Amino acid sequence: MEDSKIVDLYLARDEAAIGHTSEKYGRKIRSLARKICGDEGQAQECENDTYLGAWNSIPPHEPRNYLLAFLYKITRSLALDRVRWTYRR
């Protein structure tokens, strides 16, 4: 499914948007999170939290032409927060 149509589903508050996002970008999101966190379990949690973050951020944002970059930004932020929380003293 095209990114624009996925964003339309988010804007319509249709939960199918999360499924389509996962189907299209789930592996890439999890891979980015795994590279940052170094742990598969935390990467899966970051992936799920990314979907929640996208759900809460669309609207007001409408990343029709840059959905993957938008998701990467959310994932990166979440993964870095987890690493900081894990290694703080």
N, C-alpha and C. Protein backbone atom coordinates (compact mmCIF):
# COMPACT_ATOMS: atom_id res chain seq x y z
N MET A 1 0.85 -1.17 0.00
CA MET A 1 0.00 0.00 0.00
C MET A 1 0.90 1.24 0.00
N GLU A 2 0.48 2.26 -0.70
CA GLU A 2 1.23 3.50 -0.78
C GLU A 2 1.21 4.24 0.55
N ASP A 3 2.30 4.98 0.81
CA ASP A 3 2.40 5.73 2.06
C ASP A 3 1.25 6.72 2.23
N SER A 4 0.86 7.36 1.16
CA SER A 4 -0.22 8.34 1.22
C SER A 4 -1.52 7.70 1.70
N LYS A 5 -1.78 6.51 1.24
CA LYS A 5 -3.01 5.81 1.65
C LYS A 5 -2.91 5.34 3.11
N ILE A 6 -1.72 4.95 3.53
CA ILE A 6 -1.53 4.58 4.93
C ILE A 6 -1.78 5.79 5.83
N VAL A 7 -1.25 6.94 5.43
CA VAL A 7 -1.46 8.17 6.21
C VAL A 7 -2.94 8.52 6.24
N ASP A 8 -3.65 8.32 5.13
CA ASP A 8 -5.09 8.55 5.11
C ASP A 8 -5.80 7.68 6.14
N LEU A 9 -5.35 6.42 6.30
CA LEU A 9 -5.95 5.53 7.30
C LEU A 9 -5.69 6.06 8.71
N TYR A 10 -4.46 6.54 8.95
CA TYR A 10 -4.18 7.14 10.26
C TYR A 10 -5.08 8.34 10.51
N LEU A 11 -5.24 9.18 9.50
CA LEU A 11 -6.07 10.37 9.65
C LEU A 11 -7.53 10.01 9.91
N ALA A 12 -7.99 8.89 9.34
CA ALA A 12 -9.36 8.42 9.54
C ALA A 12 -9.48 7.64 10.86
N ARG A 13 -8.34 7.49 11.58
CA ARG A 13 -8.28 6.74 12.85
C ARG A 13 -8.69 5.28 12.65
N ASP A 14 -8.27 4.73 11.52
CA ASP A 14 -8.54 3.33 11.18
C ASP A 14 -7.36 2.48 11.66
N GLU A 15 -7.63 1.52 12.53
CA GLU A 15 -6.56 0.70 13.10
C GLU A 15 -5.83 -0.15 12.06
N ALA A 16 -6.40 -0.30 10.90
CA ALA A 16 -5.74 -1.03 9.82
C ALA A 16 -4.44 -0.34 9.40
N ALA A 17 -4.32 0.95 9.70
CA ALA A 17 -3.11 1.69 9.37
C ALA A 17 -1.89 1.07 10.04
N ILE A 18 -2.05 0.63 11.28
CA ILE A 18 -0.94 0.03 12.01
C ILE A 18 -0.52 -1.28 11.35
N GLY A 19 -1.49 -2.08 10.94
CA GLY A 19 -1.18 -3.33 10.26
C GLY A 19 -0.44 -3.11 8.96
N HIS A 20 -0.90 -2.14 8.19
CA HIS A 20 -0.23 -1.85 6.91
C HIS A 20 1.17 -1.29 7.15
N THR A 21 1.31 -0.46 8.17
CA THR A 21 2.63 0.08 8.50
C THR A 21 3.57 -1.05 8.90
N SER A 22 3.08 -1.95 9.73
CA SER A 22 3.89 -3.08 10.18
C SER A 22 4.29 -3.97 9.01
N GLU A 23 3.35 -4.21 8.14
CA GLU A 23 3.61 -5.07 6.98
C GLU A 23 4.67 -4.46 6.06
N LYS A 24 4.59 -3.15 5.87
CA LYS A 24 5.49 -2.50 4.92
C LYS A 24 6.84 -2.14 5.54
N TYR A 25 6.84 -1.67 6.79
CA TYR A 25 8.05 -1.12 7.37
C TYR A 25 8.50 -1.79 8.67
N GLY A 26 7.79 -2.78 9.15
CA GLY A 26 8.11 -3.40 10.43
C GLY A 26 9.53 -3.92 10.53
N ARG A 27 9.98 -4.61 9.51
CA ARG A 27 11.33 -5.18 9.53
C ARG A 27 12.39 -4.08 9.58
N LYS A 28 12.18 -2.99 8.84
CA LYS A 28 13.15 -1.89 8.83
C LYS A 28 13.18 -1.17 10.17
N ILE A 29 12.00 -0.97 10.76
CA ILE A 29 11.93 -0.30 12.05
C ILE A 29 12.62 -1.14 13.13
N ARG A 30 12.32 -2.43 13.14
CA ARG A 30 12.93 -3.33 14.13
C ARG A 30 14.45 -3.40 13.94
N SER A 31 14.91 -3.40 12.70
CA SER A 31 16.34 -3.44 12.42
C SER A 31 17.05 -2.20 12.96
N LEU A 32 16.47 -1.04 12.75
CA LEU A 32 17.05 0.20 13.27
C LEU A 32 17.11 0.15 14.80
N ALA A 33 16.02 -0.25 15.42
CA ALA A 33 15.97 -0.31 16.88
C ALA A 33 16.99 -1.32 17.41
N ARG A 34 17.13 -2.46 16.74
CA ARG A 34 18.09 -3.49 17.15
C ARG A 34 19.52 -2.96 17.07
N LYS A 35 19.82 -2.20 16.02
CA LYS A 35 21.17 -1.63 15.87
C LYS A 35 21.48 -0.66 16.99
N ILE A 36 20.49 0.07 17.45
CA ILE A 36 20.71 1.05 18.52
C ILE A 36 20.72 0.38 19.88
N CYS A 37 19.74 -0.48 20.14
CA CYS A 37 19.59 -1.12 21.46
C CYS A 37 20.50 -2.31 21.66
N GLY A 38 20.74 -3.06 20.61
CA GLY A 38 21.55 -4.25 20.71
C GLY A 38 20.81 -5.44 21.30
N ASP A 39 19.50 -5.36 21.38
CA ASP A 39 18.71 -6.42 21.99
C ASP A 39 17.41 -6.60 21.21
N GLU A 40 17.09 -7.85 20.86
CA GLU A 40 15.89 -8.12 20.06
C GLU A 40 14.61 -7.78 20.81
N GLY A 41 14.56 -8.08 22.10
CA GLY A 41 13.36 -7.79 22.89
C GLY A 41 13.07 -6.30 22.96
N GLN A 42 14.11 -5.52 23.21
CA GLN A 42 13.92 -4.07 23.26
C GLN A 42 13.58 -3.52 21.87
N ALA A 43 14.13 -4.13 20.83
CA ALA A 43 13.83 -3.69 19.47
C ALA A 43 12.34 -3.91 19.16
N GLN A 44 11.79 -5.04 19.59
CA GLN A 44 10.37 -5.30 19.37
C GLN A 44 9.50 -4.31 20.14
N GLU A 45 9.91 -4.00 21.37
CA GLU A 45 9.15 -3.01 22.14
C GLU A 45 9.22 -1.64 21.49
N CYS A 46 10.39 -1.27 20.97
CA CYS A 46 10.52 0.01 20.26
C CYS A 46 9.65 0.03 19.02
N GLU A 47 9.59 -1.09 18.32
CA GLU A 47 8.74 -1.17 17.12
C GLU A 47 7.28 -0.91 17.50
N ASN A 48 6.81 -1.59 18.52
CA ASN A 48 5.42 -1.39 18.95
C ASN A 48 5.17 0.03 19.44
N ASP A 49 6.14 0.58 20.17
CA ASP A 49 5.99 1.96 20.64
C ASP A 49 6.03 2.95 19.49
N THR A 50 6.73 2.60 18.41
CA THR A 50 6.76 3.45 17.22
C THR A 50 5.38 3.54 16.60
N TYR A 51 4.68 2.41 16.54
CA TYR A 51 3.32 2.43 15.99
C TYR A 51 2.41 3.31 16.85
N LEU A 52 2.56 3.22 18.16
CA LEU A 52 1.77 4.08 19.06
C LEU A 52 2.13 5.54 18.86
N GLY A 53 3.42 5.81 18.72
CA GLY A 53 3.86 7.18 18.49
C GLY A 53 3.33 7.74 17.18
N ALA A 54 3.32 6.91 16.15
CA ALA A 54 2.76 7.36 14.86
C ALA A 54 1.27 7.61 15.00
N TRP A 55 0.58 6.72 15.71
CA TRP A 55 -0.87 6.87 15.91
C TRP A 55 -1.18 8.20 16.62
N ASN A 56 -0.35 8.54 17.60
CA ASN A 56 -0.57 9.77 18.37
C ASN A 56 -0.09 11.02 17.64
N SER A 57 0.79 10.87 16.66
CA SER A 57 1.36 12.03 15.96
C SER A 57 0.67 12.36 14.64
N ILE A 58 -0.10 11.41 14.13
CA ILE A 58 -0.83 11.65 12.87
C ILE A 58 -2.30 11.66 13.21
N PRO A 59 -3.05 12.69 13.12
CA PRO A 59 -2.65 14.08 12.97
C PRO A 59 -2.00 14.61 14.24
N PRO A 60 -1.39 15.73 14.26
CA PRO A 60 -1.42 16.84 13.32
C PRO A 60 -0.46 16.69 12.14
N HIS A 61 0.56 15.85 12.26
CA HIS A 61 1.49 15.67 11.14
C HIS A 61 0.83 14.82 10.06
N GLU A 62 1.22 15.08 8.83
CA GLU A 62 0.73 14.30 7.69
C GLU A 62 1.93 13.93 6.82
N PRO A 63 2.70 12.91 7.22
CA PRO A 63 3.93 12.57 6.49
C PRO A 63 3.68 11.73 5.24
N ARG A 64 2.91 12.26 4.32
CA ARG A 64 2.54 11.51 3.12
C ARG A 64 3.74 11.14 2.25
N ASN A 65 4.71 12.04 2.15
CA ASN A 65 5.84 11.81 1.26
C ASN A 65 7.09 11.34 1.98
N TYR A 66 7.02 11.20 3.30
CA TYR A 66 8.21 10.81 4.06
C TYR A 66 7.84 9.94 5.27
N LEU A 67 6.93 9.00 5.07
CA LEU A 67 6.44 8.17 6.18
C LEU A 67 7.57 7.36 6.82
N LEU A 68 8.43 6.74 6.03
CA LEU A 68 9.50 5.94 6.62
C LEU A 68 10.43 6.81 7.45
N ALA A 69 10.80 7.96 6.95
CA ALA A 69 11.67 8.87 7.71
C ALA A 69 10.99 9.31 9.01
N PHE A 70 9.69 9.56 8.94
CA PHE A 70 8.91 9.94 10.12
C PHE A 70 8.93 8.81 11.15
N LEU A 71 8.76 7.58 10.70
CA LEU A 71 8.78 6.42 11.59
C LEU A 71 10.19 6.19 12.15
N TYR A 72 11.21 6.39 11.32
CA TYR A 72 12.58 6.24 11.78
C TYR A 72 12.90 7.24 12.88
N LYS A 73 12.41 8.46 12.74
CA LYS A 73 12.67 9.48 13.75
C LYS A 73 12.07 9.06 15.09
N ILE A 74 10.85 8.56 15.06
CA ILE A 74 10.20 8.10 16.28
C ILE A 74 10.97 6.92 16.87
N THR A 75 11.33 5.96 16.03
CA THR A 75 12.06 4.77 16.48
C THR A 75 13.40 5.13 17.09
N ARG A 76 14.12 5.99 16.42
CA ARG A 76 15.44 6.39 16.90
C ARG A 76 15.34 7.04 18.27
N SER A 77 14.40 7.93 18.43
CA SER A 77 14.21 8.60 19.71
C SER A 77 13.87 7.60 20.82
N LEU A 78 12.95 6.69 20.54
CA LEU A 78 12.57 5.68 21.53
C LEU A 78 13.74 4.77 21.89
N ALA A 79 14.49 4.33 20.89
CA ALA A 79 15.61 3.42 21.13
C ALA A 79 16.72 4.10 21.93
N LEU A 80 17.01 5.35 21.59
CA LEU A 80 18.03 6.07 22.35
C LEU A 80 17.60 6.30 23.79
N ASP A 81 16.33 6.59 24.01
CA ASP A 81 15.81 6.73 25.37
C ASP A 81 15.98 5.43 26.15
N ARG A 82 15.73 4.30 25.51
CA ARG A 82 15.89 2.99 26.18
C ARG A 82 17.35 2.74 26.54
N VAL A 83 18.26 3.07 25.62
CA VAL A 83 19.68 2.87 25.89
C VAL A 83 20.12 3.78 27.04
N ARG A 84 19.70 5.02 27.01
CA ARG A 84 20.04 5.94 28.10
C ARG A 84 19.50 5.43 29.43
N TRP A 85 18.28 4.95 29.43
CA TRP A 85 17.67 4.44 30.67
C TRP A 85 18.40 3.19 31.16
N THR A 86 18.79 2.33 30.25
CA THR A 86 19.48 1.09 30.61
C THR A 86 20.85 1.33 31.22
N TYR A 87 21.59 2.31 30.67
CA TYR A 87 22.98 2.51 31.07
C TYR A 87 23.20 3.68 32.03
N ARG A 88 22.15 4.33 32.47
CA ARG A 88 22.38 5.43 33.41
C ARG A 88 22.75 4.86 34.77
N ARG A 89 23.45 5.62 35.51
CA ARG A 89 23.95 5.14 36.81
C ARG A 89 23.43 5.97 37.93
